[in-house]
Amino acid sequence: MEAVAASWARAQAGRLPRSPGVYRFRDGSGRVLYVGRAVSLRRRVQSYWGDLRDRRHLAGMVARIEQVEAVTCDSAHEAAWLERNLLRRSLPPWNRSPSGGQEAEVWIRLSDSPRAPGLSAVYRRRPGDEARYFGPYLGGQKVRDAISGLSRVLPLAHTSDARAGAARDLARARDASPADRTRLARSVATVLDRDPAAAGLVRAELASRRDAAAARLSFEFAAKLQAEIEALDWVTTEQKVTRQERTDFDACGWADGMLVRFEIRAGRLSGWSQRACAEEAASPHCGQTPPEWAAFAVRNALLAALLAR
């Protein structure tokens, strides 16, 4: 019987999409054994039935897996946040750390003040600060790389009124002046608001500079620009499971007899459940789901139904 259950769990892994997301394993009693995240759900989950390498301590857990569940996310960053939120709410027995990864929680502070405009990475929002904050994001280094890339293309920090000496010369070299401050601050904000066109323009400019650096054999600089591109993608791709707005609501989706419910509390998706359910019974729950969550919820209800077959 155990062999049949294990074989079914492996078959479930093969049905997973090759997209970012969070997965969890349950044993025969329905207890959650482990929660993890992946850039490719199928590849990562299937790896548990292969060579565990540096995860040999999980061999005992793998023998107990009888059910695989998963949530597909719109980005690796979203998957990282979802794993973190779930683990902070409840730590399964085979997870070692409640943090859900080692990334720090970071904000990007955007100031357009005449004396000190620019971007900075901060670990907390300052009460009463007139600057605008974006985030939160996971990964201090990624955020700093994203700031570096944005500042390289949109040199807001060089538009201060208090420029003198070398700072004035550098601003001139970057073709930036105080007259550009409002325009550049607005452009930076548009990128950080995840406008695809604005982010695409910055990304394209960084890619052009990366390719030019590689062509002149400046490989170290090209690698730095590539890291900035990847970091820019990290902070500008879709990420809804942790938001600034500290709202409470449920997002539900139904498909093929399966109802999936996501609990958003204080702006964080921190609970996820699924069960067999008739469409008539599911309709009141799905009808209360905010429109911006509907596609996410239905997509994951379809996945839940697929894994339950």
Protein backbone atom coordinates (compact mmCIF):
# COMPACT_ATOMS: atom_id res chain seq x y z
CA MET A 1 0.00 0.00 0.00
CA GLU A 2 2.81 2.40 0.88
CA ALA A 3 4.54 1.61 -2.41
CA VAL A 4 1.34 2.43 -4.31
CA ALA A 5 0.99 5.76 -2.47
CA ALA A 6 4.63 6.64 -3.15
CA SER A 7 4.20 5.79 -6.82
CA TRP A 8 1.14 8.05 -7.00
CA ALA A 9 3.06 10.92 -5.34
CA ARG A 10 5.82 10.55 -7.95
CA ALA A 11 3.17 10.62 -10.68
CA GLN A 12 1.76 13.83 -9.19
CA ALA A 13 5.23 15.40 -9.37
CA GLY A 14 5.31 14.66 -13.09
CA ARG A 15 2.08 16.63 -13.60
CA LEU A 16 3.47 19.82 -12.08
CA PRO A 17 4.15 22.78 -14.39
CA ARG A 18 7.65 24.05 -15.14
CA SER A 19 6.94 27.39 -13.49
CA PRO A 20 7.84 29.09 -10.19
CA GLY A 21 5.84 28.15 -7.16
CA VAL A 22 5.54 26.59 -3.74
CA TYR A 23 4.97 22.91 -3.03
CA ARG A 24 4.10 20.87 0.03
CA PHE A 25 4.16 17.19 0.87
CA ARG A 26 1.58 15.35 2.99
CA ASP A 27 1.72 11.92 4.57
CA GLY A 28 -1.03 9.29 4.63
CA SER A 29 -2.84 11.00 7.50
CA GLY A 30 -2.90 14.34 5.68
CA ARG A 31 -0.23 15.94 7.87
CA VAL A 32 1.99 18.47 6.09
CA LEU A 33 5.56 17.18 6.12
CA TYR A 34 7.43 19.85 4.23
CA VAL A 35 6.96 23.16 2.38
CA GLY A 36 9.44 24.38 -0.23
CA ARG A 37 9.75 26.71 -3.19
CA ALA A 38 11.04 26.24 -6.69
CA VAL A 39 11.89 28.10 -9.87
CA SER A 40 10.58 25.03 -11.74
CA LEU A 41 8.04 23.08 -9.69
CA ARG A 42 8.27 19.92 -11.77
CA ARG A 43 12.07 19.73 -11.79
CA ARG A 44 12.41 20.49 -8.10
CA VAL A 45 9.71 18.13 -6.83
CA GLN A 46 10.81 15.26 -9.06
CA SER A 47 14.33 15.63 -7.68
CA TYR A 48 13.17 14.22 -4.30
CA TRP A 49 12.85 10.81 -5.95
CA GLY A 50 16.33 11.04 -7.47
CA ASP A 51 19.76 11.64 -5.99
CA LEU A 52 19.17 13.81 -2.91
CA ARG A 53 22.87 14.77 -2.73
CA ASP A 54 23.11 17.41 0.02
CA ARG A 55 19.50 16.70 1.09
CA ARG A 56 20.02 13.14 2.25
CA HIS A 57 18.51 14.05 5.61
CA LEU A 58 15.16 14.20 3.77
CA ALA A 59 15.23 10.53 2.68
CA GLY A 60 13.05 9.54 5.63
CA MET A 61 10.51 12.18 4.69
CA VAL A 62 10.38 11.10 1.03
CA ALA A 63 9.41 7.59 2.12
CA ARG A 64 6.36 9.07 3.88
CA ILE A 65 5.09 11.30 1.03
CA GLU A 66 1.65 10.26 -0.20
CA GLN A 67 0.35 13.54 -1.61
CA VAL A 68 1.88 16.49 -3.45
CA GLU A 69 0.20 19.91 -3.51
CA ALA A 70 1.43 23.07 -5.18
CA VAL A 71 0.72 26.71 -5.92
CA THR A 72 2.04 28.27 -9.12
CA CYS A 73 3.32 31.81 -8.77
CA ASP A 74 3.89 34.60 -11.28
CA SER A 75 7.56 35.01 -10.40
CA ALA A 76 10.37 33.46 -8.39
CA HIS A 77 10.14 36.45 -6.06
CA GLU A 78 6.46 35.73 -5.41
CA ALA A 79 7.30 32.09 -4.69
CA ALA A 80 10.00 33.17 -2.22
CA TRP A 81 7.52 35.38 -0.36
CA LEU A 82 4.80 32.72 -0.31
CA GLU A 83 7.15 30.10 1.13
CA ARG A 84 8.31 32.58 3.78
CA ASN A 85 4.75 33.52 4.76
CA LEU A 86 3.59 29.91 5.01
CA LEU A 87 6.56 28.80 7.09
CA ARG A 88 6.25 31.70 9.49
CA ARG A 89 2.66 30.71 10.17
CA SER A 90 3.31 26.99 10.64
CA LEU A 91 6.60 25.08 10.51
CA PRO A 92 6.24 21.50 9.20
CA PRO A 93 8.38 18.85 10.93
CA TRP A 94 10.90 18.42 8.10
CA ASN A 95 11.56 22.12 7.53
CA ARG A 96 14.65 23.26 9.39
CA SER A 97 14.13 27.02 9.44
CA PRO A 98 11.04 29.15 10.11
CA SER A 99 12.43 32.02 8.02
CA GLY A 100 11.64 30.49 4.63
CA GLY A 101 15.07 31.34 3.31
CA GLN A 102 17.88 33.66 4.24
CA GLU A 103 16.81 36.74 2.27
CA ALA A 104 16.34 39.91 4.28
CA GLU A 105 13.11 41.91 4.04
CA VAL A 106 14.01 45.20 2.36
CA TRP A 107 12.29 48.35 1.10
CA ILE A 108 13.35 50.78 -1.61
CA ARG A 109 13.13 54.40 -0.50
CA LEU A 110 12.64 57.00 -3.24
CA SER A 111 13.40 60.60 -2.33
CA ASP A 112 12.93 63.57 -4.63
CA SER A 113 14.09 66.12 -2.07
CA PRO A 114 16.20 68.99 -3.48
CA ARG A 115 19.16 68.25 -1.20
CA ALA A 116 19.27 64.44 -1.28
CA PRO A 117 17.30 62.86 -4.12
CA GLY A 118 17.80 59.23 -5.05
CA LEU A 119 17.17 55.63 -4.10
CA SER A 120 18.30 53.68 -1.05
CA ALA A 121 17.73 50.23 0.44
CA VAL A 122 16.27 50.35 3.94
CA TYR A 123 15.17 47.66 6.38
CA ARG A 124 12.22 49.55 7.82
CA ARG A 125 9.94 52.40 6.87
CA ARG A 126 10.38 55.63 8.79
CA PRO A 127 7.15 56.95 10.32
CA GLY A 128 6.32 60.39 8.96
CA ASP A 129 8.91 60.20 6.18
CA GLU A 130 7.75 62.12 3.09
CA ALA A 131 9.75 59.86 0.78
CA ARG A 132 7.97 57.11 -1.09
CA TYR A 133 8.59 53.46 -0.22
CA PHE A 134 8.32 50.47 -2.53
CA GLY A 135 8.23 46.84 -1.46
CA PRO A 136 8.74 44.98 0.67
CA TYR A 137 11.20 42.85 -1.28
CA LEU A 138 13.24 39.82 -0.30
CA GLY A 139 17.01 39.91 -0.71
CA GLY A 140 19.17 42.85 0.32
CA GLN A 141 21.78 42.22 -2.37
CA LYS A 142 19.15 41.93 -5.09
CA VAL A 143 17.59 45.20 -4.01
CA ARG A 144 20.94 46.98 -3.96
CA ASP A 145 21.74 45.63 -7.44
CA ALA A 146 18.34 46.79 -8.69
CA ILE A 147 18.98 50.26 -7.28
CA SER A 148 22.38 50.32 -8.95
CA GLY A 149 20.87 49.44 -12.32
CA LEU A 150 18.03 51.93 -12.02
CA SER A 151 20.41 54.70 -10.95
CA ARG A 152 22.73 53.90 -13.84
CA VAL A 153 19.95 54.54 -16.38
CA LEU A 154 17.91 57.13 -14.44
CA PRO A 155 20.51 59.21 -12.50
CA LEU A 156 18.13 60.80 -10.00
CA ALA A 157 20.84 61.04 -7.31
CA HIS A 158 22.77 63.51 -9.50
CA THR A 159 19.97 66.08 -9.57
CA SER A 160 20.60 67.56 -6.12
CA ASP A 161 20.57 71.35 -5.70
CA ALA A 162 23.60 71.02 -3.41
CA ARG A 163 26.14 69.97 -6.04
CA ALA A 164 29.73 71.12 -5.89
CA GLY A 165 33.12 70.14 -7.26
CA ALA A 166 33.40 66.51 -8.34
CA ALA A 167 29.67 65.90 -7.76
CA ARG A 168 28.82 68.68 -10.21
CA ASP A 169 31.26 67.28 -12.77
CA LEU A 170 29.83 63.78 -12.38
CA ALA A 171 26.30 65.09 -12.79
CA ARG A 172 27.34 66.86 -15.96
CA ALA A 173 28.88 63.63 -17.26
CA ARG A 174 25.61 61.82 -16.55
CA ASP A 175 23.66 64.61 -18.26
CA ALA A 176 21.62 65.25 -15.11
CA SER A 177 20.60 68.54 -13.51
CA PRO A 178 18.15 69.76 -10.87
CA ALA A 179 15.71 70.53 -13.67
CA ASP A 180 15.52 66.78 -14.38
CA ARG A 181 14.71 65.78 -10.80
CA THR A 182 10.91 65.60 -11.04
CA ARG A 183 10.97 63.79 -14.38
CA LEU A 184 13.54 61.22 -13.22
CA ALA A 185 11.76 60.61 -9.91
CA ARG A 186 8.53 60.00 -11.81
CA SER A 187 10.26 57.61 -14.20
CA VAL A 188 11.85 55.64 -11.36
CA ALA A 189 8.49 55.40 -9.57
CA THR A 190 6.83 54.13 -12.75
CA VAL A 191 9.40 51.32 -13.00
CA LEU A 192 9.01 50.38 -9.34
CA ASP A 193 5.24 50.42 -9.76
CA ARG A 194 5.86 47.50 -12.15
CA ASP A 195 4.87 49.22 -15.35
CA PRO A 196 6.01 46.68 -17.98
CA ALA A 197 6.93 49.25 -20.63
CA ALA A 198 8.96 51.43 -18.25
CA ALA A 199 10.78 48.45 -16.75
CA GLY A 200 11.42 47.09 -20.24
CA LEU A 201 13.13 50.32 -21.33
CA VAL A 202 15.50 50.26 -18.37
CA ARG A 203 16.18 46.58 -18.88
CA ALA A 204 16.93 47.12 -22.58
CA GLU A 205 19.37 49.93 -21.81
CA LEU A 206 21.20 47.80 -19.24
CA ALA A 207 21.34 44.90 -21.70
CA SER A 208 22.79 47.20 -24.37
CA ARG A 209 25.49 48.40 -21.99
CA ARG A 210 26.19 44.81 -20.90
CA ASP A 211 26.66 43.68 -24.50
CA ALA A 212 28.93 46.66 -25.24
CA ALA A 213 31.03 45.86 -22.18
CA ALA A 214 31.37 42.22 -23.24
CA ALA A 215 32.35 43.30 -26.76
CA ARG A 216 35.25 45.31 -25.38
CA LEU A 217 36.19 42.36 -23.13
CA SER A 218 35.12 44.11 -19.90
CA PHE A 219 33.66 40.87 -18.61
CA GLU A 220 33.59 41.84 -14.94
CA PHE A 221 31.58 44.96 -15.70
CA ALA A 222 29.32 42.95 -18.03
CA ALA A 223 28.67 40.48 -15.21
CA LYS A 224 27.76 43.35 -12.87
CA LEU A 225 25.28 44.69 -15.42
CA GLN A 226 23.78 41.21 -15.82
CA ALA A 227 23.31 41.01 -12.04
CA GLU A 228 21.55 44.38 -12.16
CA ILE A 229 19.23 43.15 -14.93
CA GLU A 230 18.32 40.05 -12.93
CA ALA A 231 17.75 42.16 -9.82
CA LEU A 232 15.55 44.58 -11.75
CA ASP A 233 13.46 41.62 -12.92
CA TRP A 234 13.27 40.40 -9.31
CA VAL A 235 11.72 43.64 -8.02
CA THR A 236 9.51 44.49 -11.01
CA THR A 237 7.87 41.17 -11.92
CA GLU A 238 4.48 40.27 -10.46
CA GLN A 239 4.43 39.72 -6.71
CA LYS A 240 1.10 39.96 -4.93
CA VAL A 241 1.42 37.61 -1.94
CA THR A 242 3.05 40.26 0.29
CA ARG A 243 1.90 43.85 -0.03
CA GLN A 244 2.16 47.14 1.84
CA GLU A 245 -1.61 47.31 2.36
CA ARG A 246 -2.40 45.41 5.57
CA THR A 247 -5.75 44.04 4.38
CA ASP A 248 -7.58 40.85 5.37
CA PHE A 249 -9.59 38.78 2.89
CA ASP A 250 -9.87 35.35 1.28
CA ALA A 251 -9.27 34.58 -2.39
CA CYS A 252 -10.99 31.45 -3.70
CA GLY A 253 -10.93 29.61 -6.98
CA TRP A 254 -12.88 26.57 -8.21
CA ALA A 255 -12.20 24.16 -11.07
CA ASP A 256 -13.14 20.56 -11.88
CA GLY A 257 -14.60 19.88 -8.47
CA MET A 258 -11.76 21.42 -6.42
CA LEU A 259 -12.00 24.56 -4.29
CA VAL A 260 -8.77 26.35 -3.33
CA ARG A 261 -8.80 29.05 -0.67
CA PHE A 262 -6.00 31.52 0.03
CA GLU A 263 -6.01 33.47 3.29
CA ILE A 264 -4.57 36.97 3.03
CA ARG A 265 -4.00 38.45 6.47
CA ALA A 266 -2.37 41.85 7.10
CA GLY A 267 -1.48 41.97 3.42
CA ARG A 268 0.28 38.59 3.37
CA LEU A 269 -0.90 35.35 1.83
CA SER A 270 -0.19 33.10 4.78
CA GLY A 271 -2.75 30.30 4.51
CA TRP A 272 -3.65 27.88 1.72
CA SER A 273 -6.16 25.04 1.73
CA GLN A 274 -7.96 22.96 -0.86
CA ARG A 275 -10.82 20.47 -0.87
CA ALA A 276 -13.27 18.70 -3.13
CA CYS A 277 -16.34 20.87 -3.56
CA ALA A 278 -19.37 21.15 -5.83
CA GLU A 279 -19.55 24.26 -7.99
CA GLU A 280 -22.78 25.42 -6.35
CA ALA A 281 -21.17 25.34 -2.91
CA ALA A 282 -18.04 27.08 -4.19
CA SER A 283 -19.80 29.97 -5.93
CA PRO A 284 -20.44 32.15 -2.82
CA HIS A 285 -16.76 31.92 -1.86
CA CYS A 286 -15.46 32.63 -5.36
CA GLY A 287 -17.91 35.50 -5.75
CA GLN A 288 -16.22 37.37 -2.91
CA THR A 289 -12.73 37.03 -4.38
CA PRO A 290 -11.20 40.39 -5.42
CA PRO A 291 -10.94 40.60 -9.24
CA GLU A 292 -7.15 40.97 -9.18
CA TRP A 293 -6.88 37.58 -7.44
CA ALA A 294 -9.38 35.68 -9.57
CA ALA A 295 -6.98 34.40 -12.27
CA PHE A 296 -4.40 33.35 -9.65
CA ALA A 297 -7.04 31.45 -7.65
CA VAL A 298 -8.63 29.69 -10.63
CA ARG A 299 -5.24 28.73 -12.10
CA ASN A 300 -4.30 27.06 -8.86
CA ALA A 301 -7.68 25.36 -8.53
CA LEU A 302 -7.04 23.82 -11.95
CA LEU A 303 -3.65 22.62 -10.74
CA ALA A 304 -5.16 21.19 -7.53
CA ALA A 305 -7.76 19.31 -9.59
CA LEU A 306 -5.05 17.95 -11.90
CA LEU A 307 -2.96 16.69 -8.98
CA ALA A 308 -5.99 15.08 -7.32
CA ARG A 309 -6.71 12.77 -10.31
